């Protein structure tokens, strides 16, 4: 567990100076480790822990079902792209994403 924490979570530099801030950062890394271990145990596909941490870190702000995504990442992205195409299919200006004034 300590090897996983040391290799996969940024605990080299602490964000705070006092004891409480350092303790919170360590507990947060341990909770993230536990959550990723639970996700890893529930997914049928075999993933290395470091790869799983990297993928979850990259996809953290996307609204996806993590279990379906980890079983078939390419297929999940194809479904998301297809849904987005269907969403803008009847739009007058599908290529415009923002105002150009």
PDB file of N, CA and C in Angstrom:
ATOM      1  N   UNK A   1       0.823  -1.186   0.000  1.00  0.00           N
ATOM      2  CA  UNK A   1       0.000   0.000   0.000  1.00  0.00           C
ATOM      3  C   UNK A   1       0.873   1.257   0.000  1.00  0.00           C
ATOM      4  N   UNK A   2       1.930   1.265   0.817  1.00  0.00           N
ATOM      5  CA  UNK A   2       2.770   2.455   0.870  1.00  0.00           C
ATOM      6  C   UNK A   2       3.525   2.665  -0.435  1.00  0.00           C
ATOM      7  N   UNK A   3       3.886   1.564  -1.092  1.00  0.00           N
ATOM      8  CA  UNK A   3       4.555   1.688  -2.386  1.00  0.00           C
ATOM      9  C   UNK A   3       3.602   2.302  -3.416  1.00  0.00           C
ATOM     10  N   UNK A   4       2.330   1.858  -3.411  1.00  0.00           N
ATOM     11  CA  UNK A   4       1.334   2.435  -4.318  1.00  0.00           C
ATOM     12  C   UNK A   4       1.127   3.915  -4.029  1.00  0.00           C
ATOM     13  N   UNK A   5       1.026   4.272  -2.770  1.00  0.00           N
ATOM     14  CA  UNK A   5       0.846   5.682  -2.407  1.00  0.00           C
ATOM     15  C   UNK A   5       2.032   6.515  -2.879  1.00  0.00           C
ATOM     16  N   UNK A   6       3.217   5.999  -2.665  1.00  0.00           N
ATOM     17  CA  UNK A   6       4.429   6.744  -3.008  1.00  0.00           C
ATOM     18  C   UNK A   6       4.580   6.916  -4.523  1.00  0.00           C
ATOM     19  N   UNK A   7       4.219   5.874  -5.284  1.00  0.00           N
ATOM     20  CA  UNK A   7       4.414   5.919  -6.727  1.00  0.00           C
ATOM     21  C   UNK A   7       3.307   6.652  -7.472  1.00  0.00           C
ATOM     22  N   UNK A   8       2.081   6.588  -6.983  1.00  0.00           N
ATOM     23  CA  UNK A   8       0.945   7.059  -7.775  1.00  0.00           C
ATOM     24  C   UNK A   8       0.307   8.353  -7.304  1.00  0.00           C
ATOM     25  N   UNK A   9       0.637   8.799  -6.125  1.00  0.00           N
ATOM     26  CA  UNK A   9       0.016  10.013  -5.603  1.00  0.00           C
ATOM     27  C   UNK A   9       1.100  11.029  -5.260  1.00  0.00           C
ATOM     28  N   UNK A  10       0.863  12.302  -5.555  1.00  0.00           N
ATOM     29  CA  UNK A  10       1.902  13.332  -5.367  1.00  0.00           C
ATOM     30  C   UNK A  10       2.081  13.712  -3.897  1.00  0.00           C
ATOM     31  N   UNK A  11       2.823  12.904  -3.164  1.00  0.00           N
ATOM     32  CA  UNK A  11       3.092  13.211  -1.758  1.00  0.00           C
ATOM     33  C   UNK A  11       4.530  13.672  -1.532  1.00  0.00           C
ATOM     34  N   UNK A  12       5.222  14.020  -2.611  1.00  0.00           N
ATOM     35  CA  UNK A  12       6.588  14.515  -2.458  1.00  0.00           C
ATOM     36  C   UNK A  12       6.600  15.917  -1.854  1.00  0.00           C
ATOM     37  N   UNK A  13       5.636  16.712  -2.296  1.00  0.00           N
ATOM     38  CA  UNK A  13       5.542  18.082  -1.816  1.00  0.00           C
ATOM     39  C   UNK A  13       4.188  18.262  -1.151  1.00  0.00           C
ATOM     40  N   UNK A  14       4.187  18.793   0.031  1.00  0.00           N
ATOM     41  CA  UNK A  14       2.933  18.998   0.754  1.00  0.00           C
ATOM     42  C   UNK A  14       2.416  20.400   0.493  1.00  0.00           C
ATOM     43  N   UNK A  15       1.097  20.507   0.401  1.00  0.00           N
ATOM     44  CA  UNK A  15       0.468  21.774   0.047  1.00  0.00           C
ATOM     45  C   UNK A  15       0.387  22.741   1.225  1.00  0.00           C
ATOM     46  N   UNK A  16       0.454  22.214   2.433  1.00  0.00           N
ATOM     47  CA  UNK A  16       0.378  23.065   3.618  1.00  0.00           C
ATOM     48  C   UNK A  16       1.618  22.935   4.473  1.00  0.00           C
ATOM     49  N   UNK A  17       1.748  23.838   5.434  1.00  0.00           N
ATOM     50  CA  UNK A  17       2.924  23.830   6.297  1.00  0.00           C
ATOM     51  C   UNK A  17       2.658  23.186   7.654  1.00  0.00           C
ATOM     52  N   UNK A  18       1.426  23.220   8.095  1.00  0.00           N
ATOM     53  CA  UNK A  18       1.162  22.721   9.437  1.00  0.00           C
ATOM     54  C   UNK A  18       0.842  21.222   9.413  1.00  0.00           C
ATOM     55  N   UNK A  19       0.799  20.638  10.584  1.00  0.00           N
ATOM     56  CA  UNK A  19       0.592  19.200  10.726  1.00  0.00           C
ATOM     57  C   UNK A  19      -0.764  18.757  10.198  1.00  0.00           C
ATOM     58  N   UNK A  20      -1.788  19.559  10.435  1.00  0.00           N
ATOM     59  CA  UNK A  20      -3.139  19.219   9.996  1.00  0.00           C
ATOM     60  C   UNK A  20      -3.225  19.142   8.469  1.00  0.00           C
ATOM     61  N   UNK A  21      -2.616  20.062   7.771  1.00  0.00           N
ATOM     62  CA  UNK A  21      -2.662  20.073   6.306  1.00  0.00           C
ATOM     63  C   UNK A  21      -1.962  18.843   5.730  1.00  0.00           C
ATOM     64  N   UNK A  22      -0.844  18.470   6.302  1.00  0.00           N
ATOM     65  CA  UNK A  22      -0.109  17.295   5.835  1.00  0.00           C
ATOM     66  C   UNK A  22      -0.911  16.028   6.107  1.00  0.00           C
ATOM     67  N   UNK A  23      -1.530  15.964   7.279  1.00  0.00           N
ATOM     68  CA  UNK A  23      -2.341  14.802   7.628  1.00  0.00           C
ATOM     69  C   UNK A  23      -3.544  14.667   6.698  1.00  0.00           C
ATOM     70  N   UNK A  24      -4.183  15.777   6.359  1.00  0.00           N
ATOM     71  CA  UNK A  24      -5.332  15.753   5.433  1.00  0.00           C
ATOM     72  C   UNK A  24      -4.892  15.269   4.062  1.00  0.00           C
ATOM     73  N   UNK A  25      -3.742  15.712   3.594  1.00  0.00           N
ATOM     74  CA  UNK A  25      -3.259  15.300   2.285  1.00  0.00           C
ATOM     75  C   UNK A  25      -2.940  13.800   2.262  1.00  0.00           C
ATOM     76  N   UNK A  26      -2.371  13.277   3.319  1.00  0.00           N
ATOM     77  CA  UNK A  26      -2.070  11.845   3.388  1.00  0.00           C
ATOM     78  C   UNK A  26      -3.358  11.024   3.455  1.00  0.00           C
ATOM     79  N   UNK A  27      -4.333  11.457   4.269  1.00  0.00           N
ATOM     80  CA  UNK A  27      -5.601  10.744   4.357  1.00  0.00           C
ATOM     81  C   UNK A  27      -6.344  10.776   3.022  1.00  0.00           C
ATOM     82  N   UNK A  28      -6.269  11.882   2.315  1.00  0.00           N
ATOM     83  CA  UNK A  28      -6.926  11.981   1.010  1.00  0.00           C
ATOM     84  C   UNK A  28      -6.306  11.007   0.016  1.00  0.00           C
ATOM     85  N   UNK A  29      -4.985  10.903   0.026  1.00  0.00           N
ATOM     86  CA  UNK A  29      -4.309   9.944  -0.860  1.00  0.00           C
ATOM     87  C   UNK A  29      -4.684   8.507  -0.493  1.00  0.00           C
ATOM     88  N   UNK A  30      -4.808   8.225   0.789  1.00  0.00           N
ATOM     89  CA  UNK A  30      -5.194   6.879   1.212  1.00  0.00           C
ATOM     90  C   UNK A  30      -6.630   6.557   0.816  1.00  0.00           C
ATOM     91  N   UNK A  31      -7.528   7.524   0.913  1.00  0.00           N
ATOM     92  CA  UNK A  31      -8.910   7.316   0.476  1.00  0.00           C
ATOM     93  C   UNK A  31      -8.995   7.106  -1.039  1.00  0.00           C
ATOM     94  N   UNK A  32      -8.230   7.876  -1.793  1.00  0.00           N
ATOM     95  CA  UNK A  32      -8.208   7.695  -3.245  1.00  0.00           C
ATOM     96  C   UNK A  32      -7.666   6.313  -3.593  1.00  0.00           C
ATOM     97  N   UNK A  33      -6.650   5.872  -2.866  1.00  0.00           N
ATOM     98  CA  UNK A  33      -6.096   4.539  -3.069  1.00  0.00           C
ATOM     99  C   UNK A  33      -7.153   3.471  -2.813  1.00  0.00           C
ATOM    100  N   UNK A  34      -7.913   3.625  -1.744  1.00  0.00           N
ATOM    101  CA  UNK A  34      -8.967   2.667  -1.417  1.00  0.00           C
ATOM    102  C   UNK A  34     -10.046   2.644  -2.493  1.00  0.00           C
ATOM    103  N   UNK A  35     -10.482   3.818  -2.952  1.00  0.00           N
ATOM    104  CA  UNK A  35     -11.529   3.882  -3.975  1.00  0.00           C
ATOM    105  C   UNK A  35     -11.070   3.257  -5.292  1.00  0.00           C
ATOM    106  N   UNK A  36      -9.840   3.509  -5.670  1.00  0.00           N
ATOM    107  CA  UNK A  36      -9.322   2.932  -6.917  1.00  0.00           C
ATOM    108  C   UNK A  36      -9.159   1.423  -6.776  1.00  0.00           C
ATOM    109  N   UNK A  37      -8.765   0.959  -5.607  1.00  0.00           N
ATOM    110  CA  UNK A  37      -8.672  -0.482  -5.373  1.00  0.00           C
ATOM    111  C   UNK A  37     -10.041  -1.143  -5.467  1.00  0.00           C
ATOM    112  N   UNK A  38     -11.087  -0.483  -4.946  1.00  0.00           N
ATOM    113  CA  UNK A  38     -12.446  -1.011  -5.061  1.00  0.00           C
ATOM    114  C   UNK A  38     -12.916  -1.053  -6.512  1.00  0.00           C
ATOM    115  N   UNK A  39     -12.622  -0.012  -7.266  1.00  0.00           N
ATOM    116  CA  UNK A  39     -12.983   0.011  -8.690  1.00  0.00           C
ATOM    117  C   UNK A  39     -12.243  -1.105  -9.414  1.00  0.00           C
ATOM    118  N   UNK A  40     -10.969  -1.272  -9.116  1.00  0.00           N
ATOM    119  CA  UNK A  40     -10.149  -2.300  -9.760  1.00  0.00           C
ATOM    120  C   UNK A  40     -10.692  -3.703  -9.464  1.00  0.00           C
ATOM    121  N   UNK A  41     -11.169  -3.927  -8.252  1.00  0.00           N
ATOM    122  CA  UNK A  41     -11.678  -5.252  -7.904  1.00  0.00           C
ATOM    123  C   UNK A  41     -13.019  -5.547  -8.581  1.00  0.00           C
ATOM    124  N   UNK A  42     -13.761  -4.532  -8.936  1.00  0.00           N
ATOM    125  CA  UNK A  42     -15.086  -4.717  -9.542  1.00  0.00           C
ATOM    126  C   UNK A  42     -15.024  -4.841 -11.062  1.00  0.00           C
ATOM    127  N   UNK A  43     -13.939  -4.372 -11.677  1.00  0.00           N
ATOM    128  CA  UNK A  43     -13.793  -4.428 -13.130  1.00  0.00           C
ATOM    129  C   UNK A  43     -13.202  -5.781 -13.510  1.00  0.00           C
ATOM    130  N   UNK A  44     -13.775  -6.405 -14.541  1.00  0.00           N
ATOM    131  CA  UNK A  44     -13.315  -7.725 -14.958  1.00  0.00           C
ATOM    132  C   UNK A  44     -11.999  -7.665 -15.729  1.00  0.00           C
ATOM    133  N   UNK A  45     -11.801  -6.599 -16.470  1.00  0.00           N
ATOM    134  CA  UNK A  45     -10.578  -6.450 -17.257  1.00  0.00           C
ATOM    135  C   UNK A  45      -9.397  -6.177 -16.334  1.00  0.00           C
ATOM    136  N   UNK A  46      -8.272  -6.765 -16.646  1.00  0.00           N
ATOM    137  CA  UNK A  46      -7.088  -6.610 -15.800  1.00  0.00           C
ATOM    138  C   UNK A  46      -6.368  -5.300 -16.119  1.00  0.00           C
ATOM    139  N   UNK A  47      -6.198  -4.463 -15.104  1.00  0.00           N
ATOM    140  CA  UNK A  47      -5.516  -3.175 -15.257  1.00  0.00           C
ATOM    141  C   UNK A  47      -4.385  -3.092 -14.250  1.00  0.00           C
ATOM    142  N   UNK A  48      -3.277  -2.514 -14.647  1.00  0.00           N
ATOM    143  CA  UNK A  48      -2.218  -2.186 -13.694  1.00  0.00           C
ATOM    144  C   UNK A  48      -2.697  -1.008 -12.854  1.00  0.00           C
ATOM    145  N   UNK A  49      -2.322  -0.983 -11.589  1.00  0.00           N
ATOM    146  CA  UNK A  49      -2.809   0.069 -10.699  1.00  0.00           C
ATOM    147  C   UNK A  49      -2.393   1.447 -11.192  1.00  0.00           C
ATOM    148  N   UNK A  50      -1.157   1.591 -11.642  1.00  0.00           N
ATOM    149  CA  UNK A  50      -0.683   2.900 -12.107  1.00  0.00           C
ATOM    150  C   UNK A  50      -1.434   3.353 -13.356  1.00  0.00           C
ATOM    151  N   UNK A  51      -1.749   2.427 -14.255  1.00  0.00           N
ATOM    152  CA  UNK A  51      -2.530   2.782 -15.444  1.00  0.00           C
ATOM    153  C   UNK A  51      -3.939   3.197 -15.064  1.00  0.00           C
ATOM    154  N   UNK A  52      -4.508   2.482 -14.106  1.00  0.00           N
ATOM    155  CA  UNK A  52      -5.849   2.817 -13.637  1.00  0.00           C
ATOM    156  C   UNK A  52      -5.891   4.204 -13.009  1.00  0.00           C
ATOM    157  N   UNK A  53      -4.875   4.529 -12.222  1.00  0.00           N
ATOM    158  CA  UNK A  53      -4.786   5.858 -11.609  1.00  0.00           C
ATOM    159  C   UNK A  53      -4.686   6.932 -12.688  1.00  0.00           C
ATOM    160  N   UNK A  54      -3.870   6.691 -13.701  1.00  0.00           N
ATOM    161  CA  UNK A  54      -3.713   7.677 -14.782  1.00  0.00           C
ATOM    162  C   UNK A  54      -5.004   7.885 -15.555  1.00  0.00           C
ATOM    163  N   UNK A  55      -5.692   6.807 -15.869  1.00  0.00           N
ATOM    164  CA  UNK A  55      -6.943   6.926 -16.632  1.00  0.00           C
ATOM    165  C   UNK A  55      -8.006   7.647 -15.815  1.00  0.00           C
ATOM    166  N   UNK A  56      -8.118   7.285 -14.554  1.00  0.00           N
ATOM    167  CA  UNK A  56      -9.129   7.945 -13.712  1.00  0.00           C
ATOM    168  C   UNK A  56      -8.792   9.415 -13.525  1.00  0.00           C
ATOM    169  N   UNK A  57      -7.516   9.743 -13.387  1.00  0.00           N
ATOM    170  CA  UNK A  57      -7.106  11.140 -13.241  1.00  0.00           C
ATOM    171  C   UNK A  57      -7.456  11.936 -14.492  1.00  0.00           C
ATOM    172  N   UNK A  58      -7.280  11.348 -15.673  1.00  0.00           N
ATOM    173  CA  UNK A  58      -7.595  12.039 -16.925  1.00  0.00           C
ATOM    174  C   UNK A  58      -9.094  12.204 -17.132  1.00  0.00           C
ATOM    175  N   UNK A  59      -9.881  11.211 -16.709  1.00  0.00           N
ATOM    176  CA  UNK A  59     -11.314  11.221 -16.961  1.00  0.00           C
ATOM    177  C   UNK A  59     -12.129  11.728 -15.773  1.00  0.00           C
ATOM    178  N   UNK A  60     -11.492  12.303 -14.792  1.00  0.00           N
ATOM    179  CA  UNK A  60     -12.160  12.670 -13.550  1.00  0.00           C
ATOM    180  C   UNK A  60     -13.280  13.686 -13.754  1.00  0.00           C
ATOM    181  N   UNK A  61     -13.126  14.611 -14.669  1.00  0.00           N
ATOM    182  CA  UNK A  61     -14.131  15.649 -14.867  1.00  0.00           C
ATOM    183  C   UNK A  61     -15.135  15.312 -15.964  1.00  0.00           C
ATOM    184  N   UNK A  62     -15.066  14.126 -16.520  1.00  0.00           N
ATOM    185  CA  UNK A  62     -16.038  13.685 -17.520  1.00  0.00           C
ATOM    186  C   UNK A  62     -17.119  12.871 -16.837  1.00  0.00           C
ATOM    187  N   UNK A  63     -18.329  13.045 -17.283  1.00  0.00           N
ATOM    188  CA  UNK A  63     -19.453  12.313 -16.713  1.00  0.00           C
ATOM    189  C   UNK A  63     -19.617  11.011 -17.480  1.00  0.00           C
ATOM    190  N   UNK A  64     -18.960   9.952 -16.986  1.00  0.00           N
ATOM    191  CA  UNK A  64     -19.027   8.642 -17.615  1.00  0.00           C
ATOM    192  C   UNK A  64     -19.240   7.597 -16.532  1.00  0.00           C
ATOM    193  N   UNK A  65     -19.739   6.442 -16.929  1.00  0.00           N
ATOM    194  CA  UNK A  65     -19.821   5.304 -16.030  1.00  0.00           C
ATOM    195  C   UNK A  65     -18.441   4.656 -16.025  1.00  0.00           C
ATOM    196  N   UNK A  66     -17.755   4.742 -14.922  1.00  0.00           N
ATOM    197  CA  UNK A  66     -16.351   4.316 -14.867  1.00  0.00           C
ATOM    198  C   UNK A  66     -16.210   2.821 -15.114  1.00  0.00           C
ATOM    199  N   UNK A  67     -17.174   2.027 -14.665  1.00  0.00           N
ATOM    200  CA  UNK A  67     -17.074   0.585 -14.834  1.00  0.00           C
ATOM    201  C   UNK A  67     -17.217   0.181 -16.296  1.00  0.00           C
ATOM    202  N   UNK A  68     -18.181   0.771 -16.986  1.00  0.00           N
ATOM    203  CA  UNK A  68     -18.354   0.487 -18.415  1.00  0.00           C
ATOM    204  C   UNK A  68     -17.159   1.011 -19.196  1.00  0.00           C
ATOM    205  N   UNK A  69     -16.678   2.184 -18.822  1.00  0.00           N
ATOM    206  CA  UNK A  69     -15.538   2.758 -19.524  1.00  0.00           C
ATOM    207  C   UNK A  69     -14.292   1.890 -19.377  1.00  0.00           C
ATOM    208  N   UNK A  70     -14.042   1.360 -18.188  1.00  0.00           N
ATOM    209  CA  UNK A  70     -12.836   0.556 -17.968  1.00  0.00           C
ATOM    210  C   UNK A  70     -12.933  -0.830 -18.593  1.00  0.00           C
ATOM    211  N   UNK A  71     -14.146  -1.327 -18.826  1.00  0.00           N
ATOM    212  CA  UNK A  71     -14.293  -2.612 -19.508  1.00  0.00           C
ATOM    213  C   UNK A  71     -13.972  -2.485 -21.001  1.00  0.00           C
ATOM    214  N   UNK A  72     -14.399  -1.379 -21.626  1.00  0.00           N
ATOM    215  CA  UNK A  72     -14.172  -1.166 -23.057  1.00  0.00           C
ATOM    216  C   UNK A  72     -13.997   0.323 -23.324  1.00  0.00           C
ATOM    217  N   UNK A  73     -12.788   0.869 -23.127  1.00  0.00           N
ATOM    218  CA  UNK A  73     -12.594   2.320 -23.298  1.00  0.00           C
ATOM    219  C   UNK A  73     -12.888   2.816 -24.711  1.00  0.00           C
ATOM    220  N   UNK A  74     -12.448   2.066 -25.726  1.00  0.00           N
ATOM    221  CA  UNK A  74     -12.659   2.519 -27.105  1.00  0.00           C
ATOM    222  C   UNK A  74     -14.143   2.527 -27.464  1.00  0.00           C
ATOM    223  N   UNK A  75     -14.851   1.476 -27.079  1.00  0.00           N
ATOM    224  CA  UNK A  75     -16.283   1.406 -27.362  1.00  0.00           C
ATOM    225  C   UNK A  75     -17.063   2.488 -26.647  1.00  0.00           C
ATOM    226  N   UNK A  76     -16.645   2.815 -25.422  1.00  0.00           N
ATOM    227  CA  UNK A  76     -17.320   3.877 -24.675  1.00  0.00           C
ATOM    228  C   UNK A  76     -17.145   5.221 -25.350  1.00  0.00           C
ATOM    229  N   UNK A  77     -15.930   5.496 -25.842  1.00  0.00           N
ATOM    230  CA  UNK A  77     -15.713   6.765 -26.533  1.00  0.00           C
ATOM    231  C   UNK A  77     -16.493   6.821 -27.831  1.00  0.00           C
ATOM    232  N   UNK A  78     -16.616   5.686 -28.540  1.00  0.00           N
ATOM    233  CA  UNK A  78     -17.423   5.683 -29.758  1.00  0.00           C
ATOM    234  C   UNK A  78     -18.883   6.014 -29.450  1.00  0.00           C
ATOM    235  N   UNK A  79     -19.397   5.481 -28.344  1.00  0.00           N
ATOM    236  CA  UNK A  79     -20.785   5.773 -27.948  1.00  0.00           C
ATOM    237  C   UNK A  79     -20.955   7.251 -27.589  1.00  0.00           C
ATOM    238  N   UNK A  80     -19.995   7.829 -26.879  1.00  0.00           N
ATOM    239  CA  UNK A  80     -20.074   9.244 -26.507  1.00  0.00           C
ATOM    240  C   UNK A  80     -20.046  10.124 -27.749  1.00  0.00           C
ATOM    241  N   UNK A  81     -19.188   9.803 -28.694  1.00  0.00           N
ATOM    242  CA  UNK A  81     -19.101  10.582 -29.940  1.00  0.00           C
ATOM    243  C   UNK A  81     -20.409  10.458 -30.720  1.00  0.00           C
ATOM    244  N   UNK A  82     -20.971   9.253 -30.770  1.00  0.00           N
ATOM    245  CA  UNK A  82     -22.235   9.051 -31.479  1.00  0.00           C
ATOM    246  C   UNK A  82     -23.372   9.836 -30.821  1.00  0.00           C
ATOM    247  N   UNK A  83     -23.406   9.856 -29.489  1.00  0.00           N
ATOM    248  CA  UNK A  83     -24.426  10.628 -28.785  1.00  0.00           C
ATOM    249  C   UNK A  83     -24.282  12.117 -29.069  1.00  0.00           C
ATOM    250  N   UNK A  84     -23.052  12.609 -29.106  1.00  0.00           N
ATOM    251  CA  UNK A  84     -22.835  14.030 -29.380  1.00  0.00           C
ATOM    252  C   UNK A  84     -23.236  14.386 -30.806  1.00  0.00           C
ATOM    253  N   UNK A  85     -22.981  13.495 -31.758  1.00  0.00           N
ATOM    254  CA  UNK A  85     -23.404  13.753 -33.135  1.00  0.00           C
ATOM    255  C   UNK A  85     -24.917  13.811 -33.232  1.00  0.00           C
ATOM    256  N   UNK A  86     -25.593  12.916 -32.519  1.00  0.00           N
ATOM    257  CA  UNK A  86     -27.061  12.914 -32.545  1.00  0.00           C
ATOM    258  C   UNK A  86     -27.615  14.159 -31.870  1.00  0.00           C
ATOM    259  N   UNK A  87     -26.932  14.667 -30.871  1.00  0.00           N
ATOM    260  CA  UNK A  87     -27.405  15.848 -30.157  1.00  0.00           C
ATOM    261  C   UNK A  87     -27.411  17.076 -31.065  1.00  0.00           C
ATOM    262  N   UNK A  88     -26.387  17.212 -31.925  1.00  0.00           N
ATOM    263  CA  UNK A  88     -26.269  18.394 -32.789  1.00  0.00           C
ATOM    264  C   UNK A  88     -26.772  18.137 -34.202  1.00  0.00           C
ATOM    265  N   UNK A  89     -27.457  17.052 -34.430  1.00  0.00           N
ATOM    266  CA  UNK A  89     -27.885  16.699 -35.774  1.00  0.00           C
ATOM    267  C   UNK A  89     -28.870  17.712 -36.353  1.00  0.00           C
ATOM    268  N   UNK A  90     -29.810  18.203 -35.572  1.00  0.00           N
ATOM    269  CA  UNK A  90     -30.818  19.132 -36.073  1.00  0.00           C
ATOM    270  C   UNK A  90     -30.494  20.583 -35.770  1.00  0.00           C
ATOM    271  N   UNK A  91     -29.287  20.865 -35.385  1.00  0.00           N
ATOM    272  CA  UNK A  91     -28.884  22.223 -35.063  1.00  0.00           C
ATOM    273  C   UNK A  91     -28.565  22.995 -36.343  1.00  0.00           C
ATOM    274  N   UNK A  92     -28.857  24.298 -36.334  1.00  0.00           N
ATOM    275  CA  UNK A  92     -28.540  25.126 -37.496  1.00  0.00           C
ATOM    276  C   UNK A  92     -27.040  25.345 -37.650  1.00  0.00           C
ATOM    277  N   UNK A  93     -26.341  25.523 -36.527  1.00  0.00           N
ATOM    278  CA  UNK A  93     -24.917  25.816 -36.559  1.00  0.00           C
ATOM    279  C   UNK A  93     -24.166  24.834 -35.659  1.00  0.00           C
ATOM    280  N   UNK A  94     -24.014  23.567 -36.058  1.00  0.00           N
ATOM    281  CA  UNK A  94     -23.389  22.581 -35.178  1.00  0.00           C
ATOM    282  C   UNK A  94     -21.899  22.823 -34.955  1.00  0.00           C
ATOM    283  N   UNK A  95     -21.239  23.503 -35.896  1.00  0.00           N
ATOM    284  CA  UNK A  95     -19.800  23.700 -35.728  1.00  0.00           C
ATOM    285  C   UNK A  95     -19.460  24.865 -34.809  1.00  0.00           C
ATOM    286  N   UNK A  96     -20.421  25.726 -34.514  1.00  0.00           N
ATOM    287  CA  UNK A  96     -20.179  26.851 -33.614  1.00  0.00           C
ATOM    288  C   UNK A  96     -20.339  26.417 -32.169  1.00  0.00           C
ATOM    289  N   UNK A  97     -19.294  26.610 -31.380  1.00  0.00           N
ATOM    290  CA  UNK A  97     -19.377  26.238 -29.981  1.00  0.00           C
ATOM    291  C   UNK A  97     -19.516  27.430 -29.069  1.00  0.00           C
ATOM    292  N   UNK A  98     -19.195  28.597 -29.532  1.00  0.00           N
ATOM    293  CA  UNK A  98     -19.296  29.799 -28.724  1.00  0.00           C
ATOM    294  C   UNK A  98     -19.656  30.993 -29.590  1.00  0.00           C
ATOM    295  N   UNK A  99     -19.857  32.103 -28.967  1.00  0.00           N
ATOM    296  CA  UNK A  99     -20.215  33.305 -29.713  1.00  0.00           C
ATOM    297  C   UNK A  99     -18.961  33.926 -30.313  1.00  0.00           C
ATOM    298  N   UNK A 100     -19.058  34.392 -31.536  1.00  0.00           N
ATOM    299  CA  UNK A 100     -17.923  35.020 -32.235  1.00  0.00           C
ATOM    300  C   UNK A 100     -18.249  36.493 -32.508  1.00  0.00           C
ATOM    301  N   UNK A 101     -18.441  37.247 -31.482  1.00  0.00           N
ATOM    302  CA  UNK A 101     -18.747  38.661 -31.663  1.00  0.00           C
ATOM    303  C   UNK A 101     -17.558  39.510 -31.395  1.00  0.00           C
TER     304      UNK A 101
END
